[in-house]
C-alpha atoms as a PDB file:
ATOM      1  CA  MET A   1      -0.018  -0.070   0.080  1.00  0.00           C
ATOM      2  CA  VAL A   2       1.462   3.345  -0.929  1.00  0.00           C
ATOM      3  CA  ASN A   3       1.548   5.914   1.699  1.00  0.00           C
ATOM      4  CA  PHE A   4      -0.433   8.575   0.198  1.00  0.00           C
ATOM      5  CA  PHE A   5      -0.698  10.531   3.575  1.00  0.00           C
ATOM      6  CA  LYS A   6       3.206  10.987   3.915  1.00  0.00           C
ATOM      7  CA  GLY A   7       3.982  14.635   4.551  1.00  0.00           C
ATOM      8  CA  LEU A   8       0.442  15.830   4.238  1.00  0.00           C
ATOM      9  CA  GLY A   9       0.002  16.591   7.957  1.00  0.00           C
ATOM     10  CA  LEU A  10      -3.083  15.850  10.137  1.00  0.00           C
ATOM     11  CA  ALA A  11      -4.642  19.239   9.711  1.00  0.00           C
ATOM     12  CA  PHE A  12      -4.226  19.575   5.831  1.00  0.00           C
ATOM     13  CA  LYS A  13      -7.173  21.586   4.733  1.00  0.00           C
ATOM     14  CA  ASN A  14      -6.803  21.786   0.934  1.00  0.00           C
ATOM     15  CA  LYS A  15     -10.001  20.285  -0.207  1.00  0.00           C
ATOM     16  CA  ASN A  16      -8.887  18.984  -3.595  1.00  0.00           C
ATOM     17  CA  THR A  17      -5.791  17.360  -2.314  1.00  0.00           C
ATOM     18  CA  VAL A  18      -7.756  15.825   0.666  1.00  0.00           C
ATOM     19  CA  ALA A  19     -10.183  14.544  -1.898  1.00  0.00           C
ATOM     20  CA  GLU A  20      -7.427  13.105  -4.050  1.00  0.00           C
ATOM     21  CA  THR A  21      -5.637  11.613  -1.130  1.00  0.00           C
ATOM     22  CA  LEU A  22      -8.604   9.783   0.205  1.00  0.00           C
ATOM     23  CA  TRP A  23      -9.870   8.651  -3.212  1.00  0.00           C
ATOM     24  CA  LYS A  24      -6.323   6.969  -3.926  1.00  0.00           C
ATOM     25  CA  THR A  25      -6.531   4.768  -0.880  1.00  0.00           C
ATOM     26  CA  ILE A  26      -9.983   3.477  -1.147  1.00  0.00           C
ATOM     27  CA  GLY A  27     -10.390   4.090  -4.767  1.00  0.00           C
ATOM     28  CA  THR A  28      -7.679   1.694  -5.944  1.00  0.00           C
ATOM     29  CA  PRO A  29      -9.467  -1.504  -5.169  1.00  0.00           C
ATOM     30  CA  ILE A  30     -12.677   0.024  -6.488  1.00  0.00           C
ATOM     31  CA  GLY A  31     -10.889   0.677  -9.763  1.00  0.00           C
ATOM     32  CA  ILE A  32      -9.679  -2.902  -9.796  1.00  0.00           C
ATOM     33  CA  ALA A  33     -13.191  -4.110  -9.113  1.00  0.00           C
ATOM     34  CA  ARG A  34     -14.590  -1.813 -11.927  1.00  0.00           C
ATOM     35  CA  THR A  35     -12.044  -3.006 -14.515  1.00  0.00           C
ATOM     36  CA  HIS A  36     -11.694  -6.777 -13.703  1.00  0.00           C
ATOM     37  CA  GLY A  37     -14.880  -7.650 -11.823  1.00  0.00           C
ATOM     38  CA  LYS A  38     -18.213  -9.020 -13.187  1.00  0.00           C
ATOM     39  CA  TYR A  39     -21.368  -7.418 -12.627  1.00  0.00           C
ATOM     40  CA  LYS A  40     -24.924  -6.966 -14.079  1.00  0.00           C
ATOM     41  CA  GLN A  41     -25.084  -4.561 -16.923  1.00  0.00           C
ATOM     42  CA  THR A  42     -27.317  -1.920 -14.901  1.00  0.00           C
ATOM     43  CA  GLY A  43     -25.713   0.956 -16.812  1.00  0.00           C
ATOM     44  CA  THR A  44     -22.633   1.457 -14.801  1.00  0.00           C
ATOM     45  CA  PHE A  45     -20.520  -0.197 -12.209  1.00  0.00           C
ATOM     46  CA  THR A  46     -21.780   2.505  -9.817  1.00  0.00           C
ATOM     47  CA  VAL A  47     -25.422   1.186  -9.481  1.00  0.00           C
ATOM     48  CA  PRO A  48     -24.712  -2.253  -8.082  1.00  0.00           C
ATOM     49  CA  PHE A  49     -21.913  -0.745  -5.762  1.00  0.00           C
ATOM     50  CA  MET A  50     -24.213   1.922  -4.320  1.00  0.00           C
ATOM     51  CA  GLN A  51     -26.995  -0.640  -3.964  1.00  0.00           C
ATOM     52  CA  ASP A  52     -24.932  -2.594  -1.404  1.00  0.00           C
ATOM     53  CA  GLU A  53     -25.560  -1.725   2.104  1.00  0.00           C
ATOM     54  CA  TYR A  54     -22.065  -2.841   3.457  1.00  0.00           C
ATOM     55  CA  LEU A  55     -19.979  -1.210   0.749  1.00  0.00           C
ATOM     56  CA  THR A  56     -21.627   2.068   0.859  1.00  0.00           C
ATOM     57  CA  GLY A  57     -21.663   2.019   4.808  1.00  0.00           C
ATOM     58  CA  TYR A  58     -17.980   1.400   4.743  1.00  0.00           C
ATOM     59  CA  PHE A  59     -17.199   3.897   1.930  1.00  0.00           C
ATOM     60  CA  SER A  60     -19.123   6.775   3.330  1.00  0.00           C
ATOM     61  CA  GLY A  61     -18.026   5.999   6.966  1.00  0.00           C
ATOM     62  CA  TYR A  62     -14.511   5.720   5.952  1.00  0.00           C
ATOM     63  CA  ILE A  63     -14.485   9.065   4.190  1.00  0.00           C
ATOM     64  CA  ASN A  64     -16.276  10.869   7.198  1.00  0.00           C
ATOM     65  CA  PHE A  65     -14.091   9.336   9.825  1.00  0.00           C
ATOM     66  CA  MET A  66     -10.888  10.302   7.993  1.00  0.00           C
ATOM     67  CA  LEU A  67     -12.128  13.736   7.226  1.00  0.00           C
ATOM     68  CA  ILE A  68     -13.125  14.411  10.930  1.00  0.00           C
ATOM     69  CA  ASN A  69     -10.277  12.642  12.646  1.00  0.00           C
ATOM     70  CA  CYS A  70      -7.171  12.840  10.295  1.00  0.00           C
ATOM     71  CA  PHE A  71      -7.869  15.909   8.319  1.00  0.00           C
ATOM     72  CA  LYS A  72      -9.798  17.776  11.099  1.00  0.00           C
ATOM     73  CA  ILE A  73     -12.499  19.004   8.689  1.00  0.00           C
ATOM     74  CA  THR A  74     -15.386  19.187  11.084  1.00  0.00           C
ATOM     75  CA  ASN A  75     -17.522  21.661   9.360  1.00  0.00           C
ATOM     76  CA  GLN A  76     -20.363  19.697   7.630  1.00  0.00           C
ATOM     77  CA  THR A  77     -20.360  22.087   4.535  1.00  0.00           C
ATOM     78  CA  ASP A  78     -16.762  21.549   3.959  1.00  0.00           C
ATOM     79  CA  ARG A  79     -16.860  17.888   4.430  1.00  0.00           C
ATOM     80  CA  GLY A  80     -19.780  17.650   1.896  1.00  0.00           C
ATOM     81  CA  ASP A  81     -17.626  19.573  -0.592  1.00  0.00           C
ATOM     82  CA  VAL A  82     -14.745  17.072  -0.247  1.00  0.00           C
ATOM     83  CA  MET A  83     -17.206  13.988  -0.348  1.00  0.00           C
ATOM     84  CA  THR A  84     -18.812  15.500  -3.589  1.00  0.00           C
ATOM     85  CA  LYS A  85     -15.377  15.564  -5.220  1.00  0.00           C
ATOM     86  CA  ILE A  86     -14.633  12.010  -3.914  1.00  0.00           C
ATOM     87  CA  TYR A  87     -18.008  10.811  -5.501  1.00  0.00           C
ATOM     88  CA  THR A  88     -17.178  12.556  -8.637  1.00  0.00           C
ATOM     89  CA  ALA A  89     -13.853  10.821  -8.847  1.00  0.00           C
ATOM     90  CA  PHE A  90     -15.683   7.511  -8.184  1.00  0.00           C
ATOM     91  CA  ASP A  91     -17.926   8.038 -11.262  1.00  0.00           C
ATOM     92  CA  PRO A  92     -17.498  11.451 -13.114  1.00  0.00           C
ATOM     93  CA  ILE A  93     -20.365  10.713 -15.443  1.00  0.00           C
ATOM     94  CA  PHE A  94     -22.963   9.219 -13.045  1.00  0.00           C
ATOM     95  CA  PHE A  95     -22.318  11.963 -10.279  1.00  0.00           C
ATOM     96  CA  ALA A  96     -22.273  14.751 -12.801  1.00  0.00           C
ATOM     97  CA  SER A  97     -26.028  14.443 -12.383  1.00  0.00           C
ATOM     98  CA  ALA A  98     -27.221  16.302  -9.297  1.00  0.00           C
ATOM     99  CA  GLU A  99     -30.147  14.166  -9.261  1.00  0.00           C
ATOM    100  CA  ASN A 100     -28.114  10.897  -9.223  1.00  0.00           C
ATOM    101  CA  PHE A 101     -25.963  12.344  -6.425  1.00  0.00           C
ATOM    102  CA  THR A 102     -29.000  13.356  -4.352  1.00  0.00           C
ATOM    103  CA  LYS A 103     -30.652   9.979  -4.784  1.00  0.00           C
ATOM    104  CA  VAL A 104     -27.575   8.255  -3.733  1.00  0.00           C
ATOM    105  CA  MET A 105     -27.137  10.345  -0.634  1.00  0.00           C
ATOM    106  CA  GLU A 106     -30.757   9.933   0.365  1.00  0.00           C
ATOM    107  CA  MET A 107     -30.373   6.265  -0.038  1.00  0.00           C
ATOM    108  CA  ILE A 108     -27.407   5.990   2.177  1.00  0.00           C
ATOM    109  CA  THR A 109     -29.089   8.178   4.767  1.00  0.00           C
ATOM    110  CA  ARG A 110     -32.162   5.803   4.639  1.00  0.00           C
ATOM    111  CA  ARG A 111     -29.978   2.797   5.469  1.00  0.00           C
ATOM    112  CA  HIS A 112     -28.451   4.156   8.635  1.00  0.00           C
ATOM    113  CA  GLY A 113     -29.025   1.602  11.385  1.00  0.00           C
ATOM    114  CA  LYS A 114     -29.421  -1.352   9.345  1.00  0.00           C
ATOM    115  CA  LYS A 115     -27.471  -4.461   9.980  1.00  0.00           C
ATOM    116  CA  ASN A 116     -25.210  -4.458   6.894  1.00  0.00           C
ATOM    117  CA  THR A 117     -24.717  -0.741   6.880  1.00  0.00           C
ATOM    118  CA  THR A 118     -23.847  -0.715  10.651  1.00  0.00           C
ATOM    119  CA  GLN A 119     -21.370  -3.421   9.874  1.00  0.00           C
ATOM    120  CA  GLY A 120     -19.597  -1.338   7.236  1.00  0.00           C
ATOM    121  CA  VAL A 121     -19.487   1.655   9.311  1.00  0.00           C
ATOM    122  CA  ASP A 122     -18.239  -0.275  12.244  1.00  0.00           C
ATOM    123  CA  ASP A 123     -15.372  -1.760  10.053  1.00  0.00           C
ATOM    124  CA  ALA A 124     -14.550   1.564   8.647  1.00  0.00           C
ATOM    125  CA  PHE A 125     -14.352   3.175  12.192  1.00  0.00           C
ATOM    126  CA  MET A 126     -11.898   0.222  13.186  1.00  0.00           C
ATOM    127  CA  THR A 127      -9.698   0.935  10.101  1.00  0.00           C
ATOM    128  CA  VAL A 128      -9.441   4.653  10.907  1.00  0.00           C
ATOM    129  CA  ALA A 129      -8.818   4.123  14.677  1.00  0.00           C
ATOM    130  CA  PHE A 130      -5.817   1.932  13.794  1.00  0.00           C
ATOM    131  CA  PHE A 131      -4.665   4.315  11.146  1.00  0.00           C
ATOM    132  CA  MET A 132      -4.721   7.183  13.569  1.00  0.00           C
ATOM    133  CA  GLY A 133      -3.468   5.187  16.613  1.00  0.00           C
ATOM    134  CA  ALA A 134      -6.397   6.573  18.626  1.00  0.00           C
ATOM    135  CA  ARG A 135      -7.304   4.973  21.926  1.00  0.00           C
ATOM    136  CA  GLU A 136     -10.559   3.713  20.350  1.00  0.00           C
ATOM    137  CA  LYS A 137      -8.670   1.132  18.758  1.00  0.00           C
ATOM    138  CA  ASN A 138      -8.415  -0.773  21.997  1.00  0.00           C
ATOM    139  CA  GLU A 139     -12.158  -1.616  21.446  1.00  0.00           C
ATOM    140  CA  PHE A 140     -11.103  -3.921  18.651  1.00  0.00           C
ATOM    141  CA  LEU A 141      -7.970  -5.737  20.025  1.00  0.00           C
ATOM    142  CA  LYS A 142      -9.825  -9.027  20.412  1.00  0.00           C
ATOM    143  CA  ARG A 143     -11.540  -8.768  16.985  1.00  0.00           C
ATOM    144  CA  SER A 144     -10.453 -11.684  14.744  1.00  0.00           C
ATOM    145  CA  VAL A 145     -10.035  -9.072  11.787  1.00  0.00           C
ATOM    146  CA  TYR A 146      -7.302  -7.178  14.040  1.00  0.00           C
ATOM    147  CA  LEU A 147      -5.658 -10.452  15.067  1.00  0.00           C
ATOM    148  CA  GLU A 148      -5.353 -11.492  11.515  1.00  0.00           C
ATOM    149  CA  ALA A 149      -4.029  -8.192  10.389  1.00  0.00           C
ATOM    150  CA  LYS A 150      -1.414  -8.105  13.219  1.00  0.00           C
ATOM    151  CA  LYS A 151      -0.280 -11.528  12.412  1.00  0.00           C
ATOM    152  CA  PHE A 152       0.095 -10.603   8.773  1.00  0.00           C
ATOM    153  CA  TYR A 153       2.266  -7.683   9.604  1.00  0.00           C
ATOM    154  CA  ASP A 154       4.324  -9.475  12.540  1.00  0.00           C
ATOM    155  CA  SER A 155       5.025 -12.319  10.149  1.00  0.00           C
ATOM    156  CA  GLY A 156       6.689 -10.243   7.760  1.00  0.00           C
ATOM    157  CA  GLU A 157       4.280 -10.872   4.927  1.00  0.00           C
ATOM    158  CA  PHE A 158       3.283  -7.173   4.854  1.00  0.00           C
ATOM    159  CA  ASP A 159       6.960  -6.174   4.255  1.00  0.00           C
ATOM    160  CA  LYS A 160       7.589  -8.916   1.657  1.00  0.00           C
ATOM    161  CA  ARG A 161       4.527  -7.691  -0.295  1.00  0.00           C
ATOM    162  CA  ALA A 162       5.629  -3.905   0.158  1.00  0.00           C
ATOM    163  CA  ALA A 163       9.106  -4.851  -1.119  1.00  0.00           C
ATOM    164  CA  SER A 164       7.482  -6.504  -4.106  1.00  0.00           C
ATOM    165  CA  HIS A 165       5.583  -3.507  -4.850  1.00  0.00           C
ATOM    166  CA  ARG A 166       8.751  -1.280  -4.522  1.00  0.00           C
ATOM    167  CA  ARG A 167      10.474  -3.290  -6.915  1.00  0.00           C
ATOM    168  CA  ALA A 168       7.635  -3.068  -9.502  1.00  0.00           C
ATOM    169  CA  MET A 169       7.436   0.698  -9.079  1.00  0.00           C
ATOM    170  CA  ALA A 170      11.005   1.146  -9.339  1.00  0.00           C
ATOM    171  CA  SER A 171      11.266  -0.939 -12.548  1.00  0.00           C
ATOM    172  CA  ILE A 172       8.156   1.091 -14.084  1.00  0.00           C
ATOM    173  CA  MET A 173       8.756   4.626 -12.731  1.00  0.00           C
ATOM    174  CA  GLY A 174      12.578   4.546 -11.840  1.00  0.00           C
ATOM    175  CA  THR A 175      14.606   4.141  -8.635  1.00  0.00           C
ATOM    176  CA  GLY A 176      13.245   7.341  -7.068  1.00  0.00           C
ATOM    177  CA  HIS A 177       9.925   5.419  -6.389  1.00  0.00           C
ATOM    178  CA  SER A 178      11.507   2.446  -4.473  1.00  0.00           C
ATOM    179  CA  LYS A 179      10.507   3.798  -1.109  1.00  0.00           C
ATOM    180  CA  ALA A 180       7.010   4.697  -1.993  1.00  0.00           C
ATOM    181  CA  GLN A 181       5.411   1.787  -0.131  1.00  0.00           C
ATOM    182  CA  ASP A 182       6.913   2.525   3.439  1.00  0.00           C
ATOM    183  CA  LEU A 183       4.146   2.703   6.076  1.00  0.00           C
ATOM    184  CA  PRO A 184       4.307   2.883   9.828  1.00  0.00           C
ATOM    185  CA  GLU A 185       3.117  -0.171  11.629  1.00  0.00           C
ATOM    186  CA  ASN A 186      -0.175   1.284  12.770  1.00  0.00           C
ATOM    187  CA  GLN A 187      -1.014   2.382   9.122  1.00  0.00           C
ATOM    188  CA  ALA A 188       0.028  -1.054   7.692  1.00  0.00           C
ATOM    189  CA  ILE A 189      -2.293  -2.913  10.173  1.00  0.00           C
ATOM    190  CA  ALA A 190      -4.996  -0.396   9.208  1.00  0.00           C
ATOM    191  CA  PHE A 191      -4.818  -0.981   5.441  1.00  0.00           C
ATOM    192  CA  ARG A 192      -4.641  -4.665   6.088  1.00  0.00           C
ATOM    193  CA  ILE A 193      -7.869  -4.389   8.025  1.00  0.00           C
ATOM    194  CA  MET A 194      -9.461  -2.611   4.930  1.00  0.00           C
ATOM    195  CA  GLU A 195      -8.231  -5.450   2.822  1.00  0.00           C
ATOM    196  CA  LEU A 196      -9.763  -8.065   5.140  1.00  0.00           C
ATOM    197  CA  THR A 197     -13.026  -6.213   5.465  1.00  0.00           C
ATOM    198  CA  PHE A 198     -14.193  -3.689   2.577  1.00  0.00           C
ATOM    199  CA  VAL A 199     -11.887  -5.009  -0.139  1.00  0.00           C
ATOM    200  CA  LYS A 200     -12.687  -8.725   0.600  1.00  0.00           C
ATOM    201  CA  LYS A 201     -16.415  -8.074   0.306  1.00  0.00           C
ATOM    202  CA  LEU A 202     -15.903  -5.701  -2.713  1.00  0.00           C
ATOM    203  CA  ASN A 203     -13.915  -8.554  -4.493  1.00  0.00           C
ATOM    204  CA  LYS A 204     -16.488 -11.227  -3.587  1.00  0.00           C
ATOM    205  CA  LYS A 205     -19.414  -9.015  -4.938  1.00  0.00           C
ATOM    206  CA  PHE A 206     -17.883  -8.185  -8.153  1.00  0.00           C
ATOM    207  CA  LYS A 207     -16.167 -11.638  -8.501  1.00  0.00           C
ATOM    208  CA  VAL A 208     -12.738 -10.064  -8.989  1.00  0.00           C
ATOM    209  CA  PRO A 209     -10.105 -12.748 -10.071  1.00  0.00           C
ATOM    210  CA  SER A 210      -7.834 -13.965  -7.349  1.00  0.00           C
ATOM    211  CA  TYR A 211      -4.739 -12.911  -9.224  1.00  0.00           C
ATOM    212  CA  MET A 212      -5.846  -9.297  -9.134  1.00  0.00           C
ATOM    213  CA  GLN A 213      -6.471  -9.176  -5.379  1.00  0.00           C
ATOM    214  CA  ASN A 214      -3.136  -8.787  -4.092  1.00  0.00           C
END
């Protein structure tokens, strides 16, 4: 996982850069699912994604938690501006329609409190808590997802995969990119939690081939 947050600072307020940074982290697996997955031809990839309670719960929850806790954007209007930019990056054509955007936002709001939506939001909160190293992460220390993520990191598997990614980036983009994958332990565990929750469900829903999942 590329450390897109390196050097940004926790109070970074440029809306365009914040939106771009958040989209790069969560948008990468979405882009893989869009390109390599299988889904019913309902017009766009966006429709089946937005109809999934868990995926939209995690997606909107992750963005909101990161905006508030990482980037310190607490004003609702400012958060709305950044979220609009992120949804536009998700699907520039679909969300160019104000009507489509409003319908999706209303649909997500109506789902609050539903089991699958709540699970998605909860997993997003766990991801951000570990990413930030917040005390709230202690609530999840006995969760199997955390234990699996920690084991993956402690075993060296995360470093092995990161090294492979560094070599690939260096061969494609030059040696100056050889350290682009470096992440502190808490962020590495957080992104592994994202992979074990959101990305796993995303890949399953859209039947992403296994060779594209790592």
